[in-house]
Amino acid sequence: MTSDRAYHHGDLRRAVLTAALDVIATEGPAALSLRDLARRAGVSHAAPAHHFKDRTGLLTAIATEGYTLFAAALAGAPDLRERGVAYVRFAATHPAHFQVMFQPGLYRVDDPALLAAKEHASAELRAGVTGLPATGRGEDPRLAGVAAWSLAHGFATLLLSGNLPDALEGREPEEAFRSLTGLLFRPDGS
């Protein structure tokens, strides 16, 4: 028989999400199992299904939460460079969210809450390139956004995969990213 604790958990949804984020951060999304998460939360093996239905539902909830947190992280940045720094900071402080968000095969891409959170985050990303001066060469202004996104996402991905320790030379990742953007995008246009 299952104990009362298995049925009367204070915030089961949050407990399962937190346990899932821990698993993803240490072992990756492939290691997720609702049964294991229920065990970690101290509830019956069927309890997480009441909140998430299945593993894909759980990953959808993680991606939705990630995009919501991501939009908030980007919103406070005053310019494109600092939005890139916020991007890198978000990846470093929310590695499990970051892993799931950018693997749409893991979650329900048509989930309404996910779509709303993703659109909010996209709007914050686009806001960073809105004030950039035109190049005068007729390029699509969206390409500047793709370039900025590629730089920040690539740096964040390299950071999370452990491929930057030598390049960072002891510097904080955020400061290294600022230096990198300074090398590539000089204020004088050179």
N, C-alpha and C. Protein backbone atom coordinates (compact mmCIF):
# COMPACT_ATOMS: atom_id res chain seq x y z
N MET A 1 0.84 -1.18 0.00
CA MET A 1 0.00 0.00 0.00
C MET A 1 0.88 1.24 0.00
N THR A 2 0.46 2.28 -0.70
CA THR A 2 1.24 3.50 -0.82
C THR A 2 0.96 4.40 0.37
N SER A 3 1.97 5.07 0.87
CA SER A 3 1.80 5.95 2.02
C SER A 3 1.02 7.20 1.66
N ASP A 4 0.54 7.91 2.69
CA ASP A 4 -0.17 9.17 2.47
C ASP A 4 0.70 10.17 1.73
N ARG A 5 1.99 10.12 2.00
CA ARG A 5 2.90 11.06 1.34
C ARG A 5 2.84 10.95 -0.17
N ALA A 6 2.60 9.76 -0.67
CA ALA A 6 2.52 9.56 -2.11
C ALA A 6 1.32 10.25 -2.72
N TYR A 7 0.29 10.47 -1.93
CA TYR A 7 -0.92 11.10 -2.44
C TYR A 7 -1.04 12.57 -2.06
N HIS A 8 -0.32 13.00 -1.05
CA HIS A 8 -0.46 14.37 -0.54
C HIS A 8 0.87 15.10 -0.59
N HIS A 9 1.33 15.33 -1.76
CA HIS A 9 2.59 16.03 -1.97
C HIS A 9 2.28 17.51 -2.07
N GLY A 10 3.07 18.36 -1.43
CA GLY A 10 2.80 19.80 -1.41
C GLY A 10 2.69 20.42 -2.80
N ASP A 11 3.67 20.22 -3.64
CA ASP A 11 3.64 20.75 -5.00
C ASP A 11 4.31 19.72 -5.90
N LEU A 12 3.55 18.70 -6.22
CA LEU A 12 4.09 17.59 -7.01
C LEU A 12 4.61 18.06 -8.36
N ARG A 13 3.87 18.93 -9.02
CA ARG A 13 4.29 19.41 -10.34
C ARG A 13 5.69 20.01 -10.27
N ARG A 14 5.91 20.91 -9.31
CA ARG A 14 7.22 21.56 -9.17
C ARG A 14 8.28 20.54 -8.77
N ALA A 15 7.94 19.61 -7.89
CA ALA A 15 8.92 18.61 -7.44
C ALA A 15 9.37 17.74 -8.61
N VAL A 16 8.45 17.35 -9.47
CA VAL A 16 8.80 16.52 -10.63
C VAL A 16 9.62 17.34 -11.63
N LEU A 17 9.22 18.59 -11.87
CA LEU A 17 10.00 19.45 -12.77
C LEU A 17 11.43 19.63 -12.25
N THR A 18 11.57 19.89 -10.97
CA THR A 18 12.90 20.10 -10.38
C THR A 18 13.75 18.84 -10.51
N ALA A 19 13.15 17.69 -10.20
CA ALA A 19 13.88 16.43 -10.34
C ALA A 19 14.27 16.19 -11.79
N ALA A 20 13.36 16.48 -12.72
CA ALA A 20 13.65 16.30 -14.14
C ALA A 20 14.80 17.20 -14.59
N LEU A 21 14.79 18.44 -14.14
CA LEU A 21 15.86 19.38 -14.50
C LEU A 21 17.21 18.89 -13.97
N ASP A 22 17.21 18.32 -12.78
CA ASP A 22 18.45 17.76 -12.22
C ASP A 22 18.96 16.60 -13.08
N VAL A 23 18.05 15.72 -13.48
CA VAL A 23 18.44 14.57 -14.31
C VAL A 23 18.98 15.05 -15.65
N ILE A 24 18.29 15.98 -16.28
CA ILE A 24 18.72 16.48 -17.59
C ILE A 24 20.08 17.15 -17.49
N ALA A 25 20.28 17.94 -16.45
CA ALA A 25 21.56 18.66 -16.29
C ALA A 25 22.73 17.70 -16.11
N THR A 26 22.50 16.57 -15.46
CA THR A 26 23.61 15.66 -15.20
C THR A 26 23.72 14.51 -16.20
N GLU A 27 22.55 14.06 -16.73
CA GLU A 27 22.57 12.87 -17.58
C GLU A 27 21.97 13.09 -18.97
N GLY A 28 21.34 14.23 -19.20
CA GLY A 28 20.72 14.51 -20.48
C GLY A 28 19.26 14.09 -20.52
N PRO A 29 18.52 14.61 -21.50
CA PRO A 29 17.09 14.33 -21.59
C PRO A 29 16.75 12.86 -21.82
N ALA A 30 17.64 12.12 -22.45
CA ALA A 30 17.36 10.71 -22.74
C ALA A 30 17.22 9.89 -21.46
N ALA A 31 17.78 10.36 -20.36
CA ALA A 31 17.75 9.62 -19.10
C ALA A 31 16.44 9.79 -18.33
N LEU A 32 15.55 10.65 -18.81
CA LEU A 32 14.30 10.91 -18.09
C LEU A 32 13.36 9.72 -18.12
N SER A 33 12.79 9.45 -16.95
CA SER A 33 11.77 8.42 -16.80
C SER A 33 10.78 8.92 -15.76
N LEU A 34 9.49 8.92 -16.09
CA LEU A 34 8.49 9.37 -15.12
C LEU A 34 8.51 8.50 -13.87
N ARG A 35 8.74 7.22 -14.04
CA ARG A 35 8.80 6.31 -12.89
C ARG A 35 9.95 6.70 -11.96
N ASP A 36 11.12 6.98 -12.51
CA ASP A 36 12.26 7.39 -11.69
C ASP A 36 11.99 8.74 -11.02
N LEU A 37 11.38 9.66 -11.75
CA LEU A 37 11.07 10.97 -11.16
C LEU A 37 10.06 10.84 -10.02
N ALA A 38 9.10 9.94 -10.16
CA ALA A 38 8.13 9.69 -9.09
C ALA A 38 8.85 9.17 -7.85
N ARG A 39 9.78 8.25 -8.07
CA ARG A 39 10.56 7.72 -6.95
C ARG A 39 11.33 8.83 -6.26
N ARG A 40 11.96 9.68 -7.04
CA ARG A 40 12.74 10.80 -6.47
C ARG A 40 11.85 11.77 -5.69
N ALA A 41 10.61 11.97 -6.17
CA ALA A 41 9.68 12.88 -5.50
C ALA A 41 8.96 12.21 -4.34
N GLY A 42 9.12 10.90 -4.21
CA GLY A 42 8.49 10.17 -3.12
C GLY A 42 6.99 9.98 -3.30
N VAL A 43 6.58 9.79 -4.55
CA VAL A 43 5.15 9.60 -4.85
C VAL A 43 4.97 8.31 -5.65
N SER A 44 3.70 7.92 -5.83
CA SER A 44 3.44 6.71 -6.60
C SER A 44 3.92 6.89 -8.04
N HIS A 45 4.20 5.79 -8.71
CA HIS A 45 4.75 5.88 -10.06
C HIS A 45 3.76 6.50 -11.04
N ALA A 46 2.48 6.50 -10.74
CA ALA A 46 1.48 7.08 -11.65
C ALA A 46 1.23 8.57 -11.38
N ALA A 47 1.68 9.07 -10.24
CA ALA A 47 1.36 10.45 -9.85
C ALA A 47 1.83 11.52 -10.85
N PRO A 48 3.04 11.46 -11.40
CA PRO A 48 3.46 12.50 -12.35
C PRO A 48 2.57 12.59 -13.59
N ALA A 49 1.97 11.49 -13.99
CA ALA A 49 1.11 11.48 -15.18
C ALA A 49 -0.12 12.37 -15.00
N HIS A 50 -0.52 12.62 -13.75
CA HIS A 50 -1.65 13.51 -13.51
C HIS A 50 -1.34 14.94 -13.93
N HIS A 51 -0.07 15.32 -13.88
CA HIS A 51 0.34 16.67 -14.25
C HIS A 51 0.85 16.77 -15.68
N PHE A 52 1.50 15.72 -16.15
CA PHE A 52 2.20 15.80 -17.44
C PHE A 52 1.73 14.81 -18.49
N LYS A 53 0.89 13.89 -18.14
CA LYS A 53 0.38 12.84 -19.01
C LYS A 53 1.45 11.82 -19.35
N ASP A 54 2.57 12.30 -19.93
CA ASP A 54 3.64 11.39 -20.34
C ASP A 54 4.96 12.15 -20.36
N ARG A 55 6.02 11.45 -20.75
CA ARG A 55 7.37 12.04 -20.80
C ARG A 55 7.41 13.26 -21.73
N THR A 56 6.74 13.17 -22.87
CA THR A 56 6.72 14.29 -23.82
C THR A 56 6.02 15.49 -23.20
N GLY A 57 4.97 15.25 -22.43
CA GLY A 57 4.29 16.34 -21.73
C GLY A 57 5.20 17.01 -20.72
N LEU A 58 5.98 16.22 -20.02
CA LEU A 58 6.95 16.77 -19.07
C LEU A 58 7.99 17.63 -19.79
N LEU A 59 8.51 17.12 -20.88
CA LEU A 59 9.51 17.89 -21.64
C LEU A 59 8.90 19.15 -22.25
N THR A 60 7.63 19.10 -22.62
CA THR A 60 6.93 20.29 -23.12
C THR A 60 6.84 21.33 -22.01
N ALA A 61 6.53 20.89 -20.80
CA ALA A 61 6.46 21.81 -19.66
C ALA A 61 7.83 22.43 -19.38
N ILE A 62 8.89 21.64 -19.50
CA ILE A 62 10.25 22.16 -19.27
C ILE A 62 10.60 23.19 -20.35
N ALA A 63 10.30 22.89 -21.61
CA ALA A 63 10.58 23.84 -22.69
C ALA A 63 9.78 25.12 -22.50
N THR A 64 8.52 25.00 -22.12
CA THR A 64 7.68 26.18 -21.90
C THR A 64 8.24 27.04 -20.78
N GLU A 65 8.58 26.41 -19.67
CA GLU A 65 9.18 27.14 -18.56
C GLU A 65 10.50 27.79 -18.99
N GLY A 66 11.29 27.05 -19.77
CA GLY A 66 12.56 27.58 -20.24
C GLY A 66 12.39 28.82 -21.10
N TYR A 67 11.46 28.78 -22.05
CA TYR A 67 11.24 29.96 -22.90
C TYR A 67 10.72 31.14 -22.10
N THR A 68 9.91 30.88 -21.08
CA THR A 68 9.42 31.96 -20.22
C THR A 68 10.57 32.60 -19.46
N LEU A 69 11.42 31.78 -18.86
CA LEU A 69 12.59 32.29 -18.14
C LEU A 69 13.55 33.01 -19.09
N PHE A 70 13.71 32.47 -20.28
CA PHE A 70 14.60 33.03 -21.29
C PHE A 70 14.13 34.42 -21.71
N ALA A 71 12.84 34.57 -21.97
CA ALA A 71 12.30 35.89 -22.35
C ALA A 71 12.54 36.90 -21.24
N ALA A 72 12.34 36.50 -20.00
CA ALA A 72 12.58 37.41 -18.87
C ALA A 72 14.05 37.79 -18.77
N ALA A 73 14.95 36.83 -19.03
CA ALA A 73 16.39 37.12 -18.97
C ALA A 73 16.80 38.11 -20.05
N LEU A 74 16.22 37.99 -21.23
CA LEU A 74 16.57 38.87 -22.34
C LEU A 74 15.97 40.27 -22.18
N ALA A 75 14.82 40.34 -21.54
CA ALA A 75 14.06 41.60 -21.46
C ALA A 75 14.82 42.73 -20.78
N GLY A 76 15.67 42.42 -19.84
CA GLY A 76 16.37 43.48 -19.12
C GLY A 76 17.63 43.98 -19.80
N ALA A 77 18.01 43.39 -20.92
CA ALA A 77 19.27 43.77 -21.58
C ALA A 77 19.07 45.02 -22.43
N PRO A 78 19.95 46.02 -22.26
CA PRO A 78 19.76 47.30 -22.93
C PRO A 78 20.13 47.35 -24.41
N ASP A 79 20.96 46.42 -24.88
CA ASP A 79 21.39 46.46 -26.28
C ASP A 79 21.70 45.05 -26.76
N LEU A 80 22.05 44.95 -28.02
CA LEU A 80 22.28 43.64 -28.63
C LEU A 80 23.39 42.87 -27.94
N ARG A 81 24.49 43.52 -27.63
CA ARG A 81 25.60 42.84 -26.97
C ARG A 81 25.16 42.26 -25.64
N GLU A 82 24.46 43.06 -24.86
CA GLU A 82 24.03 42.59 -23.55
C GLU A 82 22.94 41.53 -23.64
N ARG A 83 22.17 41.53 -24.73
CA ARG A 83 21.22 40.43 -24.94
C ARG A 83 21.98 39.14 -25.20
N GLY A 84 23.08 39.24 -25.92
CA GLY A 84 23.93 38.07 -26.12
C GLY A 84 24.53 37.58 -24.82
N VAL A 85 24.95 38.51 -23.98
CA VAL A 85 25.48 38.14 -22.66
C VAL A 85 24.37 37.48 -21.84
N ALA A 86 23.16 38.03 -21.89
CA ALA A 86 22.03 37.44 -21.17
C ALA A 86 21.74 36.03 -21.70
N TYR A 87 21.89 35.83 -22.98
CA TYR A 87 21.70 34.52 -23.61
C TYR A 87 22.68 33.51 -23.03
N VAL A 88 23.95 33.90 -22.99
CA VAL A 88 24.99 33.03 -22.46
C VAL A 88 24.76 32.76 -20.97
N ARG A 89 24.41 33.80 -20.22
CA ARG A 89 24.13 33.66 -18.79
C ARG A 89 22.96 32.70 -18.57
N PHE A 90 21.90 32.85 -19.37
CA PHE A 90 20.75 31.96 -19.24
C PHE A 90 21.19 30.51 -19.46
N ALA A 91 21.93 30.24 -20.50
CA ALA A 91 22.38 28.87 -20.79
C ALA A 91 23.21 28.32 -19.63
N ALA A 92 24.07 29.14 -19.06
CA ALA A 92 24.93 28.69 -17.97
C ALA A 92 24.15 28.43 -16.68
N THR A 93 23.11 29.21 -16.44
CA THR A 93 22.35 29.06 -15.20
C THR A 93 21.15 28.12 -15.34
N HIS A 94 20.74 27.84 -16.56
CA HIS A 94 19.60 26.95 -16.82
C HIS A 94 19.97 25.92 -17.89
N PRO A 95 21.03 25.13 -17.65
CA PRO A 95 21.49 24.23 -18.71
C PRO A 95 20.47 23.17 -19.13
N ALA A 96 19.68 22.69 -18.21
CA ALA A 96 18.70 21.66 -18.57
C ALA A 96 17.59 22.25 -19.44
N HIS A 97 17.10 23.43 -19.06
CA HIS A 97 16.10 24.10 -19.90
C HIS A 97 16.68 24.32 -21.30
N PHE A 98 17.89 24.83 -21.35
CA PHE A 98 18.54 25.15 -22.61
C PHE A 98 18.64 23.92 -23.51
N GLN A 99 19.02 22.78 -22.92
CA GLN A 99 19.13 21.54 -23.70
C GLN A 99 17.80 21.15 -24.33
N VAL A 100 16.73 21.27 -23.56
CA VAL A 100 15.42 20.84 -24.04
C VAL A 100 14.83 21.84 -25.04
N MET A 101 14.95 23.12 -24.76
CA MET A 101 14.33 24.15 -25.60
C MET A 101 14.72 24.05 -27.07
N PHE A 102 15.94 23.71 -27.32
CA PHE A 102 16.44 23.73 -28.69
C PHE A 102 16.50 22.33 -29.33
N GLN A 103 15.69 21.43 -28.80
CA GLN A 103 15.52 20.09 -29.38
C GLN A 103 14.02 19.83 -29.55
N PRO A 104 13.42 20.44 -30.54
CA PRO A 104 11.96 20.33 -30.69
C PRO A 104 11.44 18.92 -30.87
N GLY A 105 12.27 17.98 -31.20
CA GLY A 105 11.83 16.59 -31.29
C GLY A 105 11.48 15.98 -29.94
N LEU A 106 11.85 16.67 -28.86
CA LEU A 106 11.58 16.16 -27.52
C LEU A 106 10.19 16.51 -27.00
N TYR A 107 9.58 17.56 -27.53
CA TYR A 107 8.34 18.06 -26.94
C TYR A 107 7.27 18.31 -27.99
N ARG A 108 6.09 18.69 -27.51
CA ARG A 108 4.96 18.96 -28.40
C ARG A 108 5.08 20.39 -28.93
N VAL A 109 5.51 20.52 -30.14
CA VAL A 109 5.78 21.84 -30.73
C VAL A 109 4.52 22.66 -30.94
N ASP A 110 3.36 22.02 -30.93
CA ASP A 110 2.10 22.74 -31.15
C ASP A 110 1.35 23.07 -29.86
N ASP A 111 1.97 22.84 -28.72
CA ASP A 111 1.34 23.14 -27.43
C ASP A 111 1.11 24.65 -27.32
N PRO A 112 -0.11 25.10 -27.03
CA PRO A 112 -0.41 26.54 -26.99
C PRO A 112 0.44 27.33 -25.99
N ALA A 113 0.64 26.79 -24.80
CA ALA A 113 1.46 27.51 -23.82
C ALA A 113 2.91 27.61 -24.29
N LEU A 114 3.41 26.55 -24.88
CA LEU A 114 4.77 26.57 -25.43
C LEU A 114 4.88 27.60 -26.54
N LEU A 115 3.92 27.61 -27.45
CA LEU A 115 3.96 28.56 -28.57
C LEU A 115 3.96 30.00 -28.07
N ALA A 116 3.16 30.29 -27.05
CA ALA A 116 3.12 31.65 -26.50
C ALA A 116 4.45 32.02 -25.85
N ALA A 117 5.02 31.11 -25.07
CA ALA A 117 6.31 31.38 -24.41
C ALA A 117 7.42 31.55 -25.44
N LYS A 118 7.38 30.70 -26.47
CA LYS A 118 8.41 30.77 -27.52
C LYS A 118 8.30 32.08 -28.30
N GLU A 119 7.08 32.51 -28.59
CA GLU A 119 6.89 33.78 -29.31
C GLU A 119 7.37 34.96 -28.47
N HIS A 120 7.11 34.93 -27.18
CA HIS A 120 7.59 36.00 -26.29
C HIS A 120 9.12 36.06 -26.30
N ALA A 121 9.76 34.90 -26.21
CA ALA A 121 11.23 34.86 -26.24
C ALA A 121 11.75 35.34 -27.60
N SER A 122 11.09 34.94 -28.67
CA SER A 122 11.51 35.37 -30.02
C SER A 122 11.38 36.88 -30.17
N ALA A 123 10.31 37.44 -29.62
CA ALA A 123 10.13 38.90 -29.68
C ALA A 123 11.26 39.61 -28.93
N GLU A 124 11.68 39.06 -27.81
CA GLU A 124 12.79 39.65 -27.06
C GLU A 124 14.09 39.54 -27.85
N LEU A 125 14.30 38.44 -28.53
CA LEU A 125 15.49 38.30 -29.37
C LEU A 125 15.46 39.32 -30.51
N ARG A 126 14.32 39.43 -31.18
CA ARG A 126 14.19 40.38 -32.30
C ARG A 126 14.36 41.82 -31.84
N ALA A 127 13.92 42.13 -30.64
CA ALA A 127 14.04 43.50 -30.12
C ALA A 127 15.50 43.93 -30.03
N GLY A 128 16.38 42.99 -29.87
CA GLY A 128 17.80 43.31 -29.78
C GLY A 128 18.41 43.78 -31.08
N VAL A 129 17.82 43.42 -32.21
CA VAL A 129 18.38 43.83 -33.49
C VAL A 129 17.58 44.95 -34.15
N THR A 130 16.48 45.34 -33.53
CA THR A 130 15.61 46.36 -34.13
C THR A 130 16.33 47.67 -34.41
N GLY A 131 17.17 48.12 -33.51
CA GLY A 131 17.82 49.41 -33.67
C GLY A 131 19.13 49.39 -34.41
N LEU A 132 19.50 48.27 -34.98
CA LEU A 132 20.78 48.22 -35.69
C LEU A 132 20.72 49.06 -36.97
N PRO A 133 21.79 49.76 -37.28
CA PRO A 133 21.80 50.54 -38.52
C PRO A 133 21.82 49.65 -39.75
N ALA A 134 21.20 50.12 -40.79
CA ALA A 134 21.20 49.37 -42.06
C ALA A 134 22.61 49.34 -42.63
N THR A 135 22.93 48.28 -43.31
CA THR A 135 24.28 48.15 -43.87
C THR A 135 24.42 48.90 -45.19
N GLY A 136 23.30 49.19 -45.82
CA GLY A 136 23.37 49.86 -47.11
C GLY A 136 23.66 48.92 -48.26
N ARG A 137 23.75 47.63 -47.96
CA ARG A 137 24.04 46.65 -49.01
C ARG A 137 22.80 45.85 -49.39
N GLY A 138 21.65 46.23 -48.87
CA GLY A 138 20.41 45.58 -49.23
C GLY A 138 20.16 44.23 -48.59
N GLU A 139 20.91 43.87 -47.52
CA GLU A 139 20.66 42.59 -46.86
C GLU A 139 19.33 42.63 -46.11
N ASP A 140 18.75 41.48 -45.97
CA ASP A 140 17.55 41.31 -45.17
C ASP A 140 17.93 41.58 -43.72
N PRO A 141 17.24 42.50 -43.03
CA PRO A 141 17.61 42.81 -41.64
C PRO A 141 17.50 41.60 -40.72
N ARG A 142 16.72 40.61 -41.10
CA ARG A 142 16.61 39.41 -40.27
C ARG A 142 17.94 38.66 -40.21
N LEU A 143 18.80 38.85 -41.22
CA LEU A 143 20.09 38.17 -41.20
C LEU A 143 20.96 38.64 -40.04
N ALA A 144 20.83 39.91 -39.66
CA ALA A 144 21.57 40.39 -38.49
C ALA A 144 21.12 39.65 -37.25
N GLY A 145 19.83 39.40 -37.17
CA GLY A 145 19.30 38.63 -36.04
C GLY A 145 19.82 37.20 -36.03
N VAL A 146 19.89 36.58 -37.20
CA VAL A 146 20.40 35.22 -37.31
C VAL A 146 21.88 35.19 -36.93
N ALA A 147 22.63 36.20 -37.37
CA ALA A 147 24.06 36.26 -37.05
C ALA A 147 24.26 36.40 -35.53
N ALA A 148 23.50 37.30 -34.92
CA ALA A 148 23.62 37.50 -33.47
C ALA A 148 23.22 36.24 -32.71
N TRP A 149 22.12 35.64 -33.14
CA TRP A 149 21.64 34.41 -32.49
C TRP A 149 22.66 33.29 -32.64
N SER A 150 23.22 33.16 -33.82
CA SER A 150 24.22 32.12 -34.07
C SER A 150 25.44 32.28 -33.17
N LEU A 151 25.88 33.51 -33.03
CA LEU A 151 27.05 33.77 -32.19
C LEU A 151 26.76 33.42 -30.74
N ALA A 152 25.65 33.92 -30.20
CA ALA A 152 25.32 33.67 -28.79
C ALA A 152 25.02 32.19 -28.56
N HIS A 153 24.24 31.60 -29.45
CA HIS A 153 23.88 30.19 -29.27
C HIS A 153 25.10 29.28 -29.41
N GLY A 154 25.93 29.58 -30.39
CA GLY A 154 27.14 28.78 -30.56
C GLY A 154 28.06 28.87 -29.36
N PHE A 155 28.25 30.07 -28.86
CA PHE A 155 29.10 30.26 -27.69
C PHE A 155 28.51 29.51 -26.49
N ALA A 156 27.20 29.67 -26.28
CA ALA A 156 26.54 29.01 -25.14
C ALA A 156 26.65 27.49 -25.26
N THR A 157 26.46 26.97 -26.46
CA THR A 157 26.54 25.52 -26.67
C THR A 157 27.96 25.01 -26.43
N LEU A 158 28.94 25.72 -26.92
CA LEU A 158 30.33 25.34 -26.67
C LEU A 158 30.66 25.40 -25.17
N LEU A 159 30.13 26.41 -24.50
CA LEU A 159 30.34 26.54 -23.06
C LEU A 159 29.75 25.35 -22.32
N LEU A 160 28.50 25.02 -22.60
CA LEU A 160 27.83 23.93 -21.89
C LEU A 160 28.44 22.56 -22.19
N SER A 161 28.98 22.40 -23.37
CA SER A 161 29.57 21.11 -23.72
C SER A 161 31.02 20.99 -23.25
N GLY A 162 31.52 22.00 -22.56
CA GLY A 162 32.86 21.93 -21.99
C GLY A 162 33.98 22.16 -22.97
N ASN A 163 33.68 22.82 -24.07
CA ASN A 163 34.69 23.02 -25.11
C ASN A 163 35.42 24.36 -25.05
N LEU A 164 35.19 25.16 -24.03
CA LEU A 164 35.81 26.49 -23.99
C LEU A 164 36.81 26.73 -22.86
N PRO A 165 37.15 25.78 -22.02
CA PRO A 165 38.01 26.13 -20.89
C PRO A 165 39.33 26.78 -21.29
N ASP A 166 39.99 26.26 -22.33
CA ASP A 166 41.27 26.85 -22.75
C ASP A 166 41.07 28.25 -23.33
N ALA A 167 40.02 28.42 -24.10
CA ALA A 167 39.76 29.72 -24.73
C ALA A 167 39.37 30.77 -23.70
N LEU A 168 38.71 30.36 -22.62
CA LEU A 168 38.29 31.33 -21.60
C LEU A 168 39.47 31.83 -20.77
N GLU A 169 40.50 31.01 -20.65
CA GLU A 169 41.71 31.37 -19.91
C GLU A 169 41.38 31.98 -18.55
N GLY A 170 40.43 31.36 -17.84
CA GLY A 170 40.08 31.81 -16.50
C GLY A 170 39.08 32.94 -16.44
N ARG A 171 38.69 33.50 -17.58
CA ARG A 171 37.70 34.59 -17.57
C ARG A 171 36.31 34.03 -17.39
N GLU A 172 35.44 34.84 -16.84
CA GLU A 172 34.03 34.47 -16.74
C GLU A 172 33.45 34.40 -18.16
N PRO A 173 32.55 33.47 -18.42
CA PRO A 173 31.98 33.34 -19.77
C PRO A 173 31.32 34.62 -20.29
N GLU A 174 30.64 35.34 -19.43
CA GLU A 174 29.96 36.56 -19.87
C GLU A 174 30.97 37.60 -20.35
N GLU A 175 32.07 37.74 -19.62
CA GLU A 175 33.09 38.70 -20.01
C GLU A 175 33.79 38.26 -21.29
N ALA A 176 34.04 36.97 -21.41
CA ALA A 176 34.66 36.45 -22.63
C ALA A 176 33.75 36.70 -23.84
N PHE A 177 32.44 36.53 -23.65
CA PHE A 177 31.50 36.78 -24.76
C PHE A 177 31.51 38.26 -25.14
N ARG A 178 31.56 39.15 -24.15
CA ARG A 178 31.64 40.59 -24.46
C ARG A 178 32.90 40.88 -25.28
N SER A 179 34.02 40.29 -24.89
CA SER A 179 35.27 40.48 -25.63
C SER A 179 35.15 39.95 -27.05
N LEU A 180 34.54 38.80 -27.19
CA LEU A 180 34.35 38.20 -28.51
C LEU A 180 33.53 39.11 -29.42
N THR A 181 32.44 39.63 -28.90
CA THR A 181 31.62 40.52 -29.73
C THR A 181 32.38 41.79 -30.06
N GLY A 182 33.23 42.24 -29.15
CA GLY A 182 34.05 43.42 -29.43
C GLY A 182 35.04 43.18 -30.56
N LEU A 183 35.54 41.96 -30.64
CA LEU A 183 36.46 41.63 -31.73
C LEU A 183 35.76 41.61 -33.09
N LEU A 184 34.52 41.13 -33.09
CA LEU A 184 33.80 40.96 -34.36
C LEU A 184 33.00 42.17 -34.78
N PHE A 185 32.51 42.93 -33.81
CA PHE A 185 31.64 44.06 -34.13
C PHE A 185 32.19 45.32 -33.48
N ARG A 186 32.98 46.02 -34.22
CA ARG A 186 33.59 47.26 -33.69
C ARG A 186 32.65 48.43 -33.95
N PRO A 187 32.58 49.36 -32.98
CA PRO A 187 31.69 50.50 -33.13
C PRO A 187 31.97 51.35 -34.35
N ASP A 188 33.22 51.39 -34.82
CA ASP A 188 33.56 52.23 -35.96
C ASP A 188 33.21 51.56 -37.31
N GLY A 189 32.64 50.33 -37.23
CA GLY A 189 32.22 49.64 -38.45
C GLY A 189 33.33 48.87 -39.15
N SER A 190 34.52 48.86 -38.58
CA SER A 190 35.64 48.14 -39.23
C SER A 190 35.59 46.67 -38.92
